[in-house]
Amino acid sequence: MELEPQHRAEPVDDGRVPEESPCFKVEELTLRIPEGLSEPVRATGVRALSPDDSATSAMIKR
């Protein structure tokens, strides 16, 4: 009797920063806007590129 080989699921890149132990503090974050973006998107700024507006707002306030 042969068993089917076990397959591991491929990791999903959900855009989150992986949890580290011990945690580390991010002192500065630099976002480089690609040159090829349209002018309306560039004018909107970082909020247009972030999937989470609350996280962006907190980052901008600091």
PDB file of N, CA and C in Angstrom:
ATOM      1  N   MET A   1       0.843  -1.165   0.000  1.00  0.00           N
ATOM      2  CA  MET A   1       0.000   0.000   0.000  1.00  0.00           C
ATOM      3  C   MET A   1       0.901   1.245   0.000  1.00  0.00           C
ATOM      4  N   GLU A   2       0.633   2.154  -0.919  1.00  0.00           N
ATOM      5  CA  GLU A   2       1.407   3.390  -0.997  1.00  0.00           C
ATOM      6  C   GLU A   2       0.550   4.562  -0.545  1.00  0.00           C
ATOM      7  N   LEU A   3       1.142   5.422   0.254  1.00  0.00           N
ATOM      8  CA  LEU A   3       0.448   6.627   0.700  1.00  0.00           C
ATOM      9  C   LEU A   3       0.824   7.781  -0.216  1.00  0.00           C
ATOM     10  N   GLU A   4      -0.103   8.704  -0.368  1.00  0.00           N
ATOM     11  CA  GLU A   4       0.194   9.891  -1.168  1.00  0.00           C
ATOM     12  C   GLU A   4       1.207  10.751  -0.417  1.00  0.00           C
ATOM     13  N   PRO A   5       2.132  11.365  -1.146  1.00  0.00           N
ATOM     14  CA  PRO A   5       3.100  12.230  -0.460  1.00  0.00           C
ATOM     15  C   PRO A   5       2.397  13.443   0.150  1.00  0.00           C
ATOM     16  N   GLN A   6       2.933  13.879   1.271  1.00  0.00           N
ATOM     17  CA  GLN A   6       2.356  15.033   1.946  1.00  0.00           C
ATOM     18  C   GLN A   6       2.827  16.313   1.258  1.00  0.00           C
ATOM     19  N   HIS A   7       1.914  17.205   0.944  1.00  0.00           N
ATOM     20  CA  HIS A   7       2.257  18.480   0.306  1.00  0.00           C
ATOM     21  C   HIS A   7       1.991  19.606   1.287  1.00  0.00           C
ATOM     22  N   ARG A   8       2.966  20.462   1.424  1.00  0.00           N
ATOM     23  CA  ARG A   8       2.786  21.629   2.287  1.00  0.00           C
ATOM     24  C   ARG A   8       2.177  22.763   1.468  1.00  0.00           C
ATOM     25  N   ALA A   9       1.313  23.520   2.120  1.00  0.00           N
ATOM     26  CA  ALA A   9       0.705  24.671   1.461  1.00  0.00           C
ATOM     27  C   ALA A   9       1.775  25.730   1.220  1.00  0.00           C
ATOM     28  N   GLU A  10       1.676  26.405   0.097  1.00  0.00           N
ATOM     29  CA  GLU A  10       2.603  27.489  -0.214  1.00  0.00           C
ATOM     30  C   GLU A  10       2.330  28.660   0.731  1.00  0.00           C
ATOM     31  N   PRO A  11       3.370  29.318   1.228  1.00  0.00           N
ATOM     32  CA  PRO A  11       3.142  30.477   2.089  1.00  0.00           C
ATOM     33  C   PRO A  11       2.437  31.588   1.311  1.00  0.00           C
ATOM     34  N   VAL A  12       1.567  32.307   2.001  1.00  0.00           N
ATOM     35  CA  VAL A  12       0.809  33.394   1.386  1.00  0.00           C
ATOM     36  C   VAL A  12       1.470  34.714   1.760  1.00  0.00           C
ATOM     37  N   ASP A  13       1.775  35.530   0.764  1.00  0.00           N
ATOM     38  CA  ASP A  13       2.333  36.854   1.020  1.00  0.00           C
ATOM     39  C   ASP A  13       1.171  37.818   1.157  1.00  0.00           C
ATOM     40  N   ASP A  14       0.783  38.111   2.402  1.00  0.00           N
ATOM     41  CA  ASP A  14      -0.348  39.002   2.634  1.00  0.00           C
ATOM     42  C   ASP A  14       0.090  40.440   2.891  1.00  0.00           C
ATOM     43  N   GLY A  15       1.377  40.717   2.706  1.00  0.00           N
ATOM     44  CA  GLY A  15       1.865  42.083   2.860  1.00  0.00           C
ATOM     45  C   GLY A  15       2.166  42.481   4.293  1.00  0.00           C
ATOM     46  N   ARG A  16       1.927  41.602   5.236  1.00  0.00           N
ATOM     47  CA  ARG A  16       2.171  41.933   6.636  1.00  0.00           C
ATOM     48  C   ARG A  16       3.642  41.716   6.983  1.00  0.00           C
ATOM     49  N   VAL A  17       4.115  42.512   7.925  1.00  0.00           N
ATOM     50  CA  VAL A  17       5.469  42.334   8.425  1.00  0.00           C
ATOM     51  C   VAL A  17       5.449  41.110   9.332  1.00  0.00           C
ATOM     52  N   PRO A  18       6.353  40.174   9.134  1.00  0.00           N
ATOM     53  CA  PRO A  18       6.346  38.981   9.985  1.00  0.00           C
ATOM     54  C   PRO A  18       6.617  39.334  11.449  1.00  0.00           C
ATOM     55  N   GLU A  19       6.009  38.570  12.343  1.00  0.00           N
ATOM     56  CA  GLU A  19       6.236  38.794  13.767  1.00  0.00           C
ATOM     57  C   GLU A  19       7.643  38.338  14.122  1.00  0.00           C
ATOM     58  N   GLU A  20       8.328  39.160  14.869  1.00  0.00           N
ATOM     59  CA  GLU A  20       9.688  38.846  15.297  1.00  0.00           C
ATOM     60  C   GLU A  20       9.708  38.745  16.814  1.00  0.00           C
ATOM     61  N   SER A  21      10.568  37.938  17.323  1.00  0.00           N
ATOM     62  CA  SER A  21      10.708  37.839  18.761  1.00  0.00           C
ATOM     63  C   SER A  21      12.187  37.944  19.082  1.00  0.00           C
ATOM     64  N   PRO A  22      12.651  38.906  19.783  1.00  0.00           N
ATOM     65  CA  PRO A  22      11.871  39.989  20.378  1.00  0.00           C
ATOM     66  C   PRO A  22      11.455  41.008  19.316  1.00  0.00           C
ATOM     67  N   CYS A  23      10.429  41.789  19.644  1.00  0.00           N
ATOM     68  CA  CYS A  23       9.931  42.805  18.704  1.00  0.00           C
ATOM     69  C   CYS A  23      10.986  43.895  18.513  1.00  0.00           C
ATOM     70  N   PHE A  24      10.889  44.589  17.407  1.00  0.00           N
ATOM     71  CA  PHE A  24      11.791  45.705  17.171  1.00  0.00           C
ATOM     72  C   PHE A  24      10.955  46.916  16.796  1.00  0.00           C
ATOM     73  N   LYS A  25      11.453  48.096  17.124  1.00  0.00           N
ATOM     74  CA  LYS A  25      10.747  49.338  16.857  1.00  0.00           C
ATOM     75  C   LYS A  25      11.242  49.926  15.544  1.00  0.00           C
ATOM     76  N   VAL A  26      10.317  50.330  14.688  1.00  0.00           N
ATOM     77  CA  VAL A  26      10.673  50.979  13.432  1.00  0.00           C
ATOM     78  C   VAL A  26      10.768  52.475  13.715  1.00  0.00           C
ATOM     79  N   GLU A  27      11.955  53.015  13.604  1.00  0.00           N
ATOM     80  CA  GLU A  27      12.185  54.434  13.877  1.00  0.00           C
ATOM     81  C   GLU A  27      11.854  55.304  12.673  1.00  0.00           C
ATOM     82  N   GLU A  28      12.076  54.769  11.476  1.00  0.00           N
ATOM     83  CA  GLU A  28      11.855  55.559  10.269  1.00  0.00           C
ATOM     84  C   GLU A  28      11.461  54.632   9.135  1.00  0.00           C
ATOM     85  N   LEU A  29      10.562  55.109   8.304  1.00  0.00           N
ATOM     86  CA  LEU A  29      10.114  54.335   7.155  1.00  0.00           C
ATOM     87  C   LEU A  29      10.144  55.253   5.940  1.00  0.00           C
ATOM     88  N   THR A  30      10.822  54.828   4.901  1.00  0.00           N
ATOM     89  CA  THR A  30      10.906  55.617   3.678  1.00  0.00           C
ATOM     90  C   THR A  30      10.130  54.913   2.584  1.00  0.00           C
ATOM     91  N   LEU A  31       9.199  55.627   1.976  1.00  0.00           N
ATOM     92  CA  LEU A  31       8.391  55.072   0.898  1.00  0.00           C
ATOM     93  C   LEU A  31       8.813  55.745  -0.400  1.00  0.00           C
ATOM     94  N   ARG A  32       9.281  54.950  -1.327  1.00  0.00           N
ATOM     95  CA  ARG A  32       9.684  55.494  -2.629  1.00  0.00           C
ATOM     96  C   ARG A  32       8.550  55.261  -3.617  1.00  0.00           C
ATOM     97  N   ILE A  33       8.074  56.336  -4.207  1.00  0.00           N
ATOM     98  CA  ILE A  33       6.976  56.271  -5.165  1.00  0.00           C
ATOM     99  C   ILE A  33       7.568  55.974  -6.540  1.00  0.00           C
ATOM    100  N   PRO A  34       7.098  54.920  -7.214  1.00  0.00           N
ATOM    101  CA  PRO A  34       7.616  54.598  -8.547  1.00  0.00           C
ATOM    102  C   PRO A  34       7.365  55.733  -9.539  1.00  0.00           C
ATOM    103  N   GLU A  35       8.311  55.957 -10.416  1.00  0.00           N
ATOM    104  CA  GLU A  35       8.219  57.030 -11.412  1.00  0.00           C
ATOM    105  C   GLU A  35       7.041  56.847 -12.366  1.00  0.00           C
ATOM    106  N   GLY A  36       6.649  55.610 -12.650  1.00  0.00           N
ATOM    107  CA  GLY A  36       5.636  55.350 -13.663  1.00  0.00           C
ATOM    108  C   GLY A  36       4.194  55.567 -13.238  1.00  0.00           C
ATOM    109  N   LEU A  37       3.943  55.998 -11.996  1.00  0.00           N
ATOM    110  CA  LEU A  37       2.564  56.195 -11.548  1.00  0.00           C
ATOM    111  C   LEU A  37       1.965  57.439 -12.194  1.00  0.00           C
ATOM    112  N   SER A  38       0.663  57.391 -12.407  1.00  0.00           N
ATOM    113  CA  SER A  38      -0.013  58.545 -13.008  1.00  0.00           C
ATOM    114  C   SER A  38      -0.013  59.719 -12.028  1.00  0.00           C
ATOM    115  N   GLU A  39      -0.177  60.919 -12.556  1.00  0.00           N
ATOM    116  CA  GLU A  39      -0.154  62.121 -11.724  1.00  0.00           C
ATOM    117  C   GLU A  39      -1.253  62.118 -10.652  1.00  0.00           C
ATOM    118  N   PRO A  40      -2.498  61.694 -10.953  1.00  0.00           N
ATOM    119  CA  PRO A  40      -3.518  61.659  -9.886  1.00  0.00           C
ATOM    120  C   PRO A  40      -3.129  60.737  -8.722  1.00  0.00           C
ATOM    121  N   VAL A  41      -2.524  59.599  -9.033  1.00  0.00           N
ATOM    122  CA  VAL A  41      -2.105  58.680  -7.970  1.00  0.00           C
ATOM    123  C   VAL A  41      -0.957  59.295  -7.175  1.00  0.00           C
ATOM    124  N   ARG A  42       0.004  59.903  -7.852  1.00  0.00           N
ATOM    125  CA  ARG A  42       1.125  60.548  -7.157  1.00  0.00           C
ATOM    126  C   ARG A  42       0.616  61.680  -6.270  1.00  0.00           C
ATOM    127  N   ALA A  43      -0.377  62.435  -6.741  1.00  0.00           N
ATOM    128  CA  ALA A  43      -0.919  63.552  -5.974  1.00  0.00           C
ATOM    129  C   ALA A  43      -1.647  63.070  -4.721  1.00  0.00           C
ATOM    130  N   THR A  44      -2.253  61.885  -4.791  1.00  0.00           N
ATOM    131  CA  THR A  44      -2.963  61.340  -3.635  1.00  0.00           C
ATOM    132  C   THR A  44      -1.990  60.962  -2.539  1.00  0.00           C
ATOM    133  N   GLY A  45      -0.808  60.511  -2.905  1.00  0.00           N
ATOM    134  CA  GLY A  45       0.227  60.207  -1.928  1.00  0.00           C
ATOM    135  C   GLY A  45       0.126  58.813  -1.351  1.00  0.00           C
ATOM    136  N   VAL A  46       0.675  58.660  -0.147  1.00  0.00           N
ATOM    137  CA  VAL A  46       0.812  57.352   0.483  1.00  0.00           C
ATOM    138  C   VAL A  46      -0.536  56.692   0.741  1.00  0.00           C
ATOM    139  N   ARG A  47      -1.590  57.450   0.965  1.00  0.00           N
ATOM    140  CA  ARG A  47      -2.901  56.850   1.248  1.00  0.00           C
ATOM    141  C   ARG A  47      -3.396  56.014   0.082  1.00  0.00           C
ATOM    142  N   ALA A  48      -3.020  56.361  -1.135  1.00  0.00           N
ATOM    143  CA  ALA A  48      -3.460  55.600  -2.307  1.00  0.00           C
ATOM    144  C   ALA A  48      -2.762  54.254  -2.395  1.00  0.00           C
ATOM    145  N   LEU A  49      -1.613  54.119  -1.773  1.00  0.00           N
ATOM    146  CA  LEU A  49      -0.833  52.891  -1.875  1.00  0.00           C
ATOM    147  C   LEU A  49      -1.039  51.955  -0.694  1.00  0.00           C
ATOM    148  N   SER A  50      -1.678  52.435   0.370  1.00  0.00           N
ATOM    149  CA  SER A  50      -1.822  51.630   1.579  1.00  0.00           C
ATOM    150  C   SER A  50      -3.145  50.874   1.596  1.00  0.00           C
ATOM    151  N   PRO A  51      -3.113  49.562   1.891  1.00  0.00           N
ATOM    152  CA  PRO A  51      -4.356  48.806   1.995  1.00  0.00           C
ATOM    153  C   PRO A  51      -5.097  49.090   3.293  1.00  0.00           C
ATOM    154  N   ASP A  52      -4.459  49.726   4.281  1.00  0.00           N
ATOM    155  CA  ASP A  52      -5.070  49.965   5.584  1.00  0.00           C
ATOM    156  C   ASP A  52      -4.941  51.441   5.938  1.00  0.00           C
ATOM    157  N   ASP A  53      -6.036  52.212   5.742  1.00  0.00           N
ATOM    158  CA  ASP A  53      -5.986  53.653   5.973  1.00  0.00           C
ATOM    159  C   ASP A  53      -5.695  54.018   7.425  1.00  0.00           C
ATOM    160  N   SER A  54      -6.165  53.219   8.395  1.00  0.00           N
ATOM    161  CA  SER A  54      -5.911  53.544   9.798  1.00  0.00           C
ATOM    162  C   SER A  54      -4.423  53.444  10.110  1.00  0.00           C
ATOM    163  N   ALA A  55      -3.744  52.459   9.546  1.00  0.00           N
ATOM    164  CA  ALA A  55      -2.303  52.317   9.762  1.00  0.00           C
ATOM    165  C   ALA A  55      -1.560  53.480   9.119  1.00  0.00           C
ATOM    166  N   THR A  56      -2.014  53.895   7.942  1.00  0.00           N
ATOM    167  CA  THR A  56      -1.384  55.015   7.253  1.00  0.00           C
ATOM    168  C   THR A  56      -1.558  56.294   8.056  1.00  0.00           C
ATOM    169  N   SER A  57      -2.763  56.522   8.577  1.00  0.00           N
ATOM    170  CA  SER A  57      -3.026  57.721   9.360  1.00  0.00           C
ATOM    171  C   SER A  57      -2.132  57.780  10.584  1.00  0.00           C
ATOM    172  N   ALA A  58      -1.977  56.658  11.265  1.00  0.00           N
ATOM    173  CA  ALA A  58      -1.122  56.616  12.452  1.00  0.00           C
ATOM    174  C   ALA A  58       0.323  56.900  12.076  1.00  0.00           C
ATOM    175  N   MET A  59       0.759  56.396  10.931  1.00  0.00           N
ATOM    176  CA  MET A  59       2.136  56.582  10.498  1.00  0.00           C
ATOM    177  C   MET A  59       2.384  58.047  10.130  1.00  0.00           C
ATOM    178  N   ILE A  60       1.408  58.686   9.483  1.00  0.00           N
ATOM    179  CA  ILE A  60       1.567  60.070   9.047  1.00  0.00           C
ATOM    180  C   ILE A  60       1.589  61.015  10.245  1.00  0.00           C
ATOM    181  N   LYS A  61       0.813  60.720  11.299  1.00  0.00           N
ATOM    182  CA  LYS A  61       0.728  61.587  12.468  1.00  0.00           C
ATOM    183  C   LYS A  61       2.015  61.614  13.268  1.00  0.00           C
ATOM    184  N   ARG A  62       2.859  60.592  13.146  1.00  0.00           N
ATOM    185  CA  ARG A  62       4.076  60.510  13.969  1.00  0.00           C
ATOM    186  C   ARG A  62       5.133  61.443  13.527  1.00  0.00           C
TER     187      ARG A  62
END
